Protein backbone atom coordinates (compact mmCIF):
# COMPACT_ATOMS: atom_id res chain seq x y z
CA UNK A 1 36.79 -4.71 -8.61
CA UNK A 2 37.02 -2.03 -5.88
CA UNK A 3 37.10 0.65 -8.59
CA UNK A 4 33.87 -0.71 -10.08
CA UNK A 5 32.15 -0.63 -6.68
CA UNK A 6 33.32 2.96 -6.09
CA UNK A 7 32.05 3.99 -9.54
CA UNK A 8 28.67 2.38 -8.87
CA UNK A 9 28.47 4.22 -5.53
CA UNK A 10 29.23 7.54 -7.27
CA UNK A 11 26.63 6.79 -9.95
CA UNK A 12 24.07 5.92 -7.29
CA UNK A 13 24.73 9.17 -5.40
CA UNK A 14 24.43 11.19 -8.62
CA UNK A 15 21.15 9.46 -9.48
CA UNK A 16 19.72 10.05 -5.98
CA UNK A 17 20.67 13.74 -6.23
CA UNK A 18 18.50 14.00 -9.37
CA UNK A 19 15.43 12.49 -7.71
CA UNK A 20 12.60 14.94 -7.04
CA UNK A 21 11.74 13.89 -3.50
CA UNK A 22 8.20 14.76 -2.28
CA UNK A 23 7.74 17.15 0.62
CA UNK A 24 6.89 15.92 4.10
CA UNK A 25 3.36 17.31 3.80
CA UNK A 26 2.79 15.48 0.51
CA UNK A 27 4.01 12.19 2.00
CA UNK A 28 1.79 12.56 5.08
CA UNK A 29 -1.31 13.44 3.06
CA UNK A 30 -0.71 10.52 0.71
CA UNK A 31 -0.20 8.21 3.70
CA UNK A 32 -3.52 9.26 5.23
CA UNK A 33 -5.30 8.72 1.92
CA UNK A 34 -3.86 5.19 1.68
CA UNK A 35 -4.85 4.42 5.30
CA UNK A 36 -8.41 5.70 4.81
CA UNK A 37 -8.91 3.81 1.55
CA UNK A 38 -7.51 0.64 3.16
CA UNK A 39 -9.92 0.96 6.09
CA UNK A 40 -12.85 1.60 3.74
CA UNK A 41 -11.99 -1.41 1.56
CA UNK A 42 -11.52 -3.58 4.65
CA UNK A 43 -14.93 -2.59 6.04
CA UNK A 44 -16.55 -3.11 2.64
CA UNK A 45 -15.05 -6.59 2.25
CA UNK A 46 -16.04 -7.52 5.81
CA UNK A 47 -19.62 -6.37 5.17
CA UNK A 48 -19.81 -8.20 1.83
CA UNK A 49 -18.49 -11.39 3.45
CA UNK A 50 -21.00 -11.07 6.30
CA UNK A 51 -23.94 -10.54 3.92
CA UNK A 52 -22.90 -13.45 1.71
CA UNK A 53 -22.40 -15.72 4.73
CA UNK A 54 -25.86 -14.84 6.06
CA UNK A 55 -27.39 -15.35 2.61
CA UNK A 56 -25.78 -18.74 2.14
CA UNK A 57 -26.74 -19.67 5.71
CA UNK A 58 -30.33 -18.77 4.91
CA UNK A 59 -30.34 -20.81 1.66
CA UNK A 60 -28.57 -23.81 3.17
CA UNK A 61 -29.44 -23.98 6.88
CA UNK A 62 -27.53 -26.38 9.13
CA UNK A 63 -29.51 -29.26 10.57
């Protein structure tokens, strides 16, 4: 059992050594792209919700 765990740990280390990790600059630029797209989508969805709410409020006014 212990031998199996040790072998799995060695295999994991060997696999992680073969990974082509991205550079710090690549990770930061990708992070900023994700943040900007998320903000844009959030603003778009908020605006679409606001427009639809106003439109439905206009069609079906409260009494």
